[in-house]
C-alpha cells in the first residue's frame, strides 16, 4: 500500500469515528436539554451538529475521489433530498 493510499484509508477511518462520536454526543445533548432545559446542552447540540455537517462534507469529498469525480463535484443524490 502506498503512502497516499494508507493516508486516505486512515483519514476515512478517522472521519467515520468522528461522525459516530459526534452523533452520539449530539443525541446525548438533546436528551439532556429535553430533561433539564439547560442552555449549555442546547449550545452543545448546535456545536455537535455543525461538526457532523463538516465531517459529512469531507466524507462526501472522499467518496467523490473514490468514484473518480472532481473535488468540486456534488455528491450523488444531493439535490432533491432534505435532511431535518
C-alpha atoms as a PDB file:
ATOM      1  CA  UNK A   1       0.000   0.000   0.000  1.00  0.00           C
ATOM      2  CA  UNK A   2       1.404   3.376  -0.959  1.00  0.00           C
ATOM      3  CA  UNK A   3       1.734   6.237   1.476  1.00  0.00           C
ATOM      4  CA  UNK A   4      -1.198   8.067  -0.183  1.00  0.00           C
ATOM      5  CA  UNK A   5      -3.449   5.010  -0.018  1.00  0.00           C
ATOM      6  CA  UNK A   6      -2.630   4.464   3.635  1.00  0.00           C
ATOM      7  CA  UNK A   7      -3.263   8.129   4.397  1.00  0.00           C
ATOM      8  CA  UNK A   8      -6.668   8.050   2.677  1.00  0.00           C
ATOM      9  CA  UNK A   9      -7.607   4.831   4.490  1.00  0.00           C
ATOM     10  CA  UNK A  10      -6.627   6.338   7.850  1.00  0.00           C
ATOM     11  CA  UNK A  11      -8.468   9.562   7.055  1.00  0.00           C
ATOM     12  CA  UNK A  12     -11.609   7.649   6.142  1.00  0.00           C
ATOM     13  CA  UNK A  13     -11.458   5.651   9.385  1.00  0.00           C
ATOM     14  CA  UNK A  14     -10.914   8.828  11.386  1.00  0.00           C
ATOM     15  CA  UNK A  15     -13.867  10.549   9.698  1.00  0.00           C
ATOM     16  CA  UNK A  16     -16.106   7.565  10.420  1.00  0.00           C
ATOM     17  CA  UNK A  17     -15.084   7.653  14.075  1.00  0.00           C
ATOM     18  CA  UNK A  18     -15.697  11.403  14.315  1.00  0.00           C
ATOM     19  CA  UNK A  19     -19.139  11.003  12.763  1.00  0.00           C
ATOM     20  CA  UNK A  20     -20.054   8.297  15.254  1.00  0.00           C
ATOM     21  CA  UNK A  21     -18.701  10.182  18.293  1.00  0.00           C
ATOM     22  CA  UNK A  22     -20.378  13.468  17.377  1.00  0.00           C
ATOM     23  CA  UNK A  23     -23.688  11.752  16.574  1.00  0.00           C
ATOM     24  CA  UNK A  24     -23.710  10.089  19.993  1.00  0.00           C
ATOM     25  CA  UNK A  25     -22.703  13.344  21.699  1.00  0.00           C
ATOM     26  CA  UNK A  26     -25.442  15.270  19.886  1.00  0.00           C
ATOM     27  CA  UNK A  27     -28.057  12.672  20.834  1.00  0.00           C
ATOM     28  CA  UNK A  28     -26.982  12.770  24.484  1.00  0.00           C
ATOM     29  CA  UNK A  29     -27.021  16.572  24.462  1.00  0.00           C
ATOM     30  CA  UNK A  30     -30.557  16.511  23.079  1.00  0.00           C
ATOM     31  CA  UNK A  31     -31.642  14.151  25.856  1.00  0.00           C
ATOM     32  CA  UNK A  32     -30.038  16.414  28.454  1.00  0.00           C
ATOM     33  CA  UNK A  33     -31.703  19.506  27.013  1.00  0.00           C
ATOM     34  CA  UNK A  34     -35.115  17.806  26.947  1.00  0.00           C
ATOM     35  CA  UNK A  35     -34.685  16.690  30.547  1.00  0.00           C
ATOM     36  CA  UNK A  36     -33.313  19.882  32.065  1.00  0.00           C
ATOM     37  CA  UNK A  37     -33.791  22.703  29.519  1.00  0.00           C
ATOM     38  CA  UNK A  38     -30.153  23.614  30.197  1.00  0.00           C
ATOM     39  CA  UNK A  39     -28.952  26.204  27.672  1.00  0.00           C
ATOM     40  CA  UNK A  40     -25.452  24.714  27.722  1.00  0.00           C
ATOM     41  CA  UNK A  41     -26.877  21.464  26.366  1.00  0.00           C
ATOM     42  CA  UNK A  42     -28.672  23.413  23.641  1.00  0.00           C
ATOM     43  CA  UNK A  43     -25.396  25.090  22.662  1.00  0.00           C
ATOM     44  CA  UNK A  44     -23.685  21.693  22.628  1.00  0.00           C
ATOM     45  CA  UNK A  45     -26.329  20.341  20.243  1.00  0.00           C
ATOM     46  CA  UNK A  46     -25.543  23.143  17.800  1.00  0.00           C
ATOM     47  CA  UNK A  47     -21.789  22.561  18.057  1.00  0.00           C
ATOM     48  CA  UNK A  48     -22.075  18.795  17.506  1.00  0.00           C
ATOM     49  CA  UNK A  49     -24.481  19.263  14.611  1.00  0.00           C
ATOM     50  CA  UNK A  50     -22.074  21.724  12.964  1.00  0.00           C
ATOM     51  CA  UNK A  51     -19.218  19.278  13.338  1.00  0.00           C
ATOM     52  CA  UNK A  52     -21.341  16.489  11.875  1.00  0.00           C
ATOM     53  CA  UNK A  53     -22.106  18.650   8.845  1.00  0.00           C
ATOM     54  CA  UNK A  54     -18.406  19.374   8.326  1.00  0.00           C
ATOM     55  CA  UNK A  55     -17.371  15.721   8.684  1.00  0.00           C
ATOM     56  CA  UNK A  56     -20.151  14.608   6.328  1.00  0.00           C
ATOM     57  CA  UNK A  57     -18.955  17.183   3.798  1.00  0.00           C
ATOM     58  CA  UNK A  58     -15.418  15.779   3.978  1.00  0.00           C
ATOM     59  CA  UNK A  59     -16.744  12.253   3.693  1.00  0.00           C
ATOM     60  CA  UNK A  60     -18.579  13.272   0.523  1.00  0.00           C
ATOM     61  CA  UNK A  61     -15.332  14.632  -0.908  1.00  0.00           C
ATOM     62  CA  UNK A  62     -13.618  11.313  -0.192  1.00  0.00           C
ATOM     63  CA  UNK A  63     -16.483   9.482  -1.884  1.00  0.00           C
ATOM     64  CA  UNK A  64     -16.041  11.724  -4.923  1.00  0.00           C
ATOM     65  CA  UNK A  65     -12.347  10.848  -5.018  1.00  0.00           C
ATOM     66  CA  UNK A  66     -13.105   7.127  -4.828  1.00  0.00           C
ATOM     67  CA  UNK A  67     -15.625   7.447  -7.655  1.00  0.00           C
ATOM     68  CA  UNK A  68     -13.173   9.334  -9.863  1.00  0.00           C
ATOM     69  CA  UNK A  69     -15.030  12.630  -9.635  1.00  0.00           C
ATOM     70  CA  UNK A  70     -13.626  16.113  -9.320  1.00  0.00           C
ATOM     71  CA  UNK A  71     -13.197  17.651  -5.879  1.00  0.00           C
ATOM     72  CA  UNK A  72     -15.837  20.258  -6.733  1.00  0.00           C
ATOM     73  CA  UNK A  73     -18.483  17.812  -7.990  1.00  0.00           C
ATOM     74  CA  UNK A  74     -21.527  17.458  -5.797  1.00  0.00           C
ATOM     75  CA  UNK A  75     -22.247  14.071  -4.212  1.00  0.00           C
ATOM     76  CA  UNK A  76     -24.825  11.907  -5.971  1.00  0.00           C
ATOM     77  CA  UNK A  77     -28.392  12.466  -4.839  1.00  0.00           C
ATOM     78  CA  UNK A  78     -27.691  15.790  -3.159  1.00  0.00           C
ATOM     79  CA  UNK A  79     -30.404  17.699  -4.965  1.00  0.00           C
ATOM     80  CA  UNK A  80     -33.960  16.673  -4.223  1.00  0.00           C
ATOM     81  CA  UNK A  81     -33.154  15.455  -0.717  1.00  0.00           C
ATOM     82  CA  UNK A  82     -33.915  17.155   2.540  1.00  0.00           C
ATOM     83  CA  UNK A  83     -32.393  16.330   5.884  1.00  0.00           C
ATOM     84  CA  UNK A  84     -34.059  17.628   9.008  1.00  0.00           C
END
